[in-house]
């Protein structure tokens, strides 16, 4: 969808300046929030490294002028308000949690690339009619609680809170308990 918006911006005479080197730099910084040394990335949900990565993604969203919010599951959204707020949003993104010894592009490129795409559209002077949002799903990888796609399932209404209350990590702590401890109140 962002490719279509970029094409529309170009048709309106906008000159897009995508900063590929900034995308790579941001991916490398994000990869540094890892429990294993580069080039491997291990970022388990709601651990200190994951919380650092989440804060970094929010800072990038803020830096390009997106309104940042987090839902009850910990999914992170960066919104660029469109000229007609009554219309639905266009949403793109991925995740930043990482299975042990993953690579620096797994999921993260979908988040960091989307942030840069919106930044390029903003630099070009494009003003969207619909709001555009970058999102970072919580717990797409089945690491800490042996359950994948937590954030996306919750958004789709396919995950009940009682499921998260019985999913325990190796310390016997439930997803919901860890979420309350690690994330700021909404």
Protein backbone atom coordinates (compact mmCIF):
# COMPACT_ATOMS: atom_id res chain seq x y z
CA UNK A 1 0.00 0.00 0.00
CA UNK A 2 2.84 2.40 0.76
CA UNK A 3 4.21 1.70 -2.72
CA UNK A 4 0.89 2.91 -4.16
CA UNK A 5 1.02 6.03 -2.00
CA UNK A 6 4.57 6.70 -3.11
CA UNK A 7 3.50 6.27 -6.73
CA UNK A 8 0.60 8.69 -6.12
CA UNK A 9 3.00 11.21 -4.57
CA UNK A 10 5.26 10.94 -7.62
CA UNK A 11 2.28 11.47 -9.93
CA UNK A 12 1.54 14.66 -7.99
CA UNK A 13 5.06 15.85 -8.81
CA UNK A 14 6.61 15.09 -5.44
CA UNK A 15 10.29 14.14 -5.42
CA UNK A 16 10.88 11.24 -3.05
CA UNK A 17 14.19 11.12 -1.21
CA UNK A 18 14.40 7.74 0.52
CA UNK A 19 17.45 7.66 2.76
CA UNK A 20 18.55 4.03 2.34
CA UNK A 21 21.71 4.61 4.37
CA UNK A 22 19.58 5.82 7.29
CA UNK A 23 17.47 2.64 7.05
CA UNK A 24 20.62 0.50 7.27
CA UNK A 25 22.00 2.63 10.12
CA UNK A 26 18.72 2.32 12.06
CA UNK A 27 18.64 -1.43 11.47
CA UNK A 28 22.19 -1.73 12.79
CA UNK A 29 21.36 0.29 15.91
CA UNK A 30 18.25 -1.83 16.46
CA UNK A 31 20.36 -4.99 16.02
CA UNK A 32 22.62 -3.79 18.83
CA UNK A 33 19.75 -4.36 21.28
CA UNK A 34 20.49 -8.06 21.44
CA UNK A 35 21.38 -10.71 23.99
CA UNK A 36 23.90 -12.13 21.48
CA UNK A 37 26.76 -10.35 19.68
CA UNK A 38 26.37 -9.02 16.13
CA UNK A 39 25.60 -10.31 13.55
CA UNK A 40 23.19 -12.51 15.52
CA UNK A 41 20.15 -10.87 17.06
CA UNK A 42 18.30 -12.34 20.04
CA UNK A 43 15.57 -10.12 21.42
CA UNK A 44 13.08 -11.93 23.61
CA UNK A 45 9.75 -10.28 24.41
CA UNK A 46 9.69 -7.83 27.35
CA UNK A 47 13.33 -8.44 28.32
CA UNK A 48 15.59 -5.41 28.87
CA UNK A 49 16.94 -5.62 25.29
CA UNK A 50 13.41 -5.80 23.88
CA UNK A 51 12.37 -2.79 25.96
CA UNK A 52 15.39 -0.84 24.65
CA UNK A 53 14.44 -1.78 21.09
CA UNK A 54 10.82 -0.74 21.67
CA UNK A 55 11.96 2.63 23.04
CA UNK A 56 14.27 3.08 20.03
CA UNK A 57 11.45 2.39 17.54
CA UNK A 58 9.22 4.89 19.36
CA UNK A 59 12.01 7.48 19.23
CA UNK A 60 12.35 6.99 15.45
CA UNK A 61 8.60 7.41 15.02
CA UNK A 62 8.66 10.59 17.11
CA UNK A 63 11.69 11.89 15.20
CA UNK A 64 9.75 11.83 11.91
CA UNK A 65 6.71 13.48 13.47
CA UNK A 66 4.43 10.50 13.98
CA UNK A 67 1.97 10.40 16.89
CA UNK A 68 3.05 7.36 18.93
CA UNK A 69 0.68 5.18 20.91
CA UNK A 70 0.65 1.69 22.35
CA UNK A 71 -2.32 -0.61 22.72
CA UNK A 72 -3.07 -2.95 25.63
CA UNK A 73 -1.04 -5.76 24.03
CA UNK A 74 2.01 -3.57 23.59
CA UNK A 75 1.62 -3.12 19.83
CA UNK A 76 3.23 0.21 18.92
CA UNK A 77 1.71 2.59 16.37
CA UNK A 78 3.14 5.71 14.74
CA UNK A 79 0.38 7.73 13.07
CA UNK A 80 0.56 10.47 10.46
CA UNK A 81 -2.85 12.13 10.56
CA UNK A 82 -4.49 12.41 7.15
CA UNK A 83 -6.50 15.38 5.93
CA UNK A 84 -9.75 13.42 6.36
CA UNK A 85 -9.61 11.77 9.80
CA UNK A 86 -13.01 10.16 9.23
CA UNK A 87 -11.47 7.79 6.70
CA UNK A 88 -9.81 4.56 7.82
CA UNK A 89 -6.05 4.36 8.17
CA UNK A 90 -3.52 2.69 5.93
CA UNK A 91 -1.40 0.48 8.20
CA UNK A 92 1.96 -1.14 7.52
CA UNK A 93 4.74 -2.63 9.60
CA UNK A 94 5.99 -5.82 11.17
CA UNK A 95 7.73 -6.82 14.42
CA UNK A 96 11.07 -6.33 16.19
CA UNK A 97 11.21 -9.23 18.63
CA UNK A 98 13.66 -11.88 17.47
CA UNK A 99 14.12 -15.59 17.96
CA UNK A 100 17.55 -16.62 19.27
CA UNK A 101 20.31 -15.97 16.76
CA UNK A 102 18.07 -14.29 14.18
CA UNK A 103 19.28 -11.79 11.61
CA UNK A 104 18.97 -8.03 11.77
CA UNK A 105 16.36 -7.84 8.99
CA UNK A 106 13.83 -10.35 10.38
CA UNK A 107 10.70 -8.28 10.93
CA UNK A 108 12.66 -5.12 11.61
CA UNK A 109 12.94 -4.04 7.98
CA UNK A 110 9.14 -3.93 7.81
CA UNK A 111 9.08 -1.46 10.70
CA UNK A 112 12.19 0.63 9.97
CA UNK A 113 11.50 0.69 6.22
CA UNK A 114 7.93 1.85 6.81
CA UNK A 115 9.11 4.67 9.09
CA UNK A 116 11.53 5.84 6.40
CA UNK A 117 8.82 5.57 3.71
CA UNK A 118 6.59 7.94 5.69
CA UNK A 119 9.55 10.23 6.35
CA UNK A 120 10.27 10.37 2.60
CA UNK A 121 6.65 11.20 1.84
CA UNK A 122 6.73 13.96 4.47
CA UNK A 123 9.99 15.39 3.06
CA UNK A 124 8.37 15.42 -0.39
CA UNK A 125 5.49 17.55 0.89
CA UNK A 126 2.91 14.83 0.34
CA UNK A 127 -0.23 15.17 2.46
CA UNK A 128 -2.27 11.97 2.73
CA UNK A 129 -6.03 12.03 2.72
CA UNK A 130 -6.17 8.89 4.87
CA UNK A 131 -4.06 8.62 7.99
CA UNK A 132 -0.95 6.49 7.55
CA UNK A 133 0.36 4.31 10.36
CA UNK A 134 3.48 2.30 10.98
CA UNK A 135 3.04 -0.44 13.53
CA UNK A 136 5.25 -2.78 15.41
CA UNK A 137 3.48 -5.96 16.50
CA UNK A 138 4.20 -7.40 19.93
CA UNK A 139 5.49 -10.96 20.18
CA UNK A 140 5.29 -12.24 16.65
CA UNK A 141 8.00 -14.79 17.45
CA UNK A 142 7.10 -17.78 19.67
CA UNK A 143 9.96 -17.34 22.12
CA UNK A 144 9.24 -16.44 25.71
CA UNK A 145 5.67 -17.76 25.96
CA UNK A 146 5.71 -20.33 23.11
CA UNK A 147 2.93 -18.42 21.36
CA UNK A 148 3.43 -16.60 18.07
CA UNK A 149 1.65 -13.64 16.53
CA UNK A 150 0.33 -12.38 19.87
CA UNK A 151 -0.09 -8.74 18.85
CA UNK A 152 -1.57 -9.45 15.44
CA UNK A 153 -3.91 -12.14 16.77
CA UNK A 154 -5.15 -9.77 19.45
CA UNK A 155 -5.81 -7.04 16.84
CA UNK A 156 -7.77 -9.55 14.77
CA UNK A 157 -9.83 -10.58 17.79
CA UNK A 158 -8.41 -14.11 17.62
CA UNK A 159 -6.70 -14.18 21.01
CA UNK A 160 -8.47 -14.17 24.34
CA UNK A 161 -6.96 -12.69 27.50
CA UNK A 162 -7.41 -15.99 29.35
CA UNK A 163 -5.01 -17.61 26.84
CA UNK A 164 -2.37 -15.08 27.82
CA UNK A 165 -2.98 -15.69 31.50
CA UNK A 166 -2.07 -19.39 31.20
CA UNK A 167 0.94 -18.93 28.90
CA UNK A 168 3.92 -18.98 31.26
CA UNK A 169 7.59 -18.23 30.71
CA UNK A 170 10.41 -20.32 32.22
CA UNK A 171 9.99 -18.45 35.53
CA UNK A 172 6.28 -19.26 35.76
CA UNK A 173 5.24 -15.69 35.00
CA UNK A 174 2.28 -15.18 32.66
CA UNK A 175 2.28 -12.94 29.60
CA UNK A 176 -0.24 -10.62 31.27
CA UNK A 177 1.88 -10.34 34.43
CA UNK A 178 5.00 -9.46 32.43
CA UNK A 179 3.08 -7.00 30.27
CA UNK A 180 1.88 -5.12 33.37
CA UNK A 181 5.38 -5.07 34.89
CA UNK A 182 7.28 -3.95 31.79
CA UNK A 183 5.00 -1.60 29.88
CA UNK A 184 3.93 1.83 31.06
CA UNK A 185 0.25 2.33 31.88
CA UNK A 186 -1.86 3.27 28.90
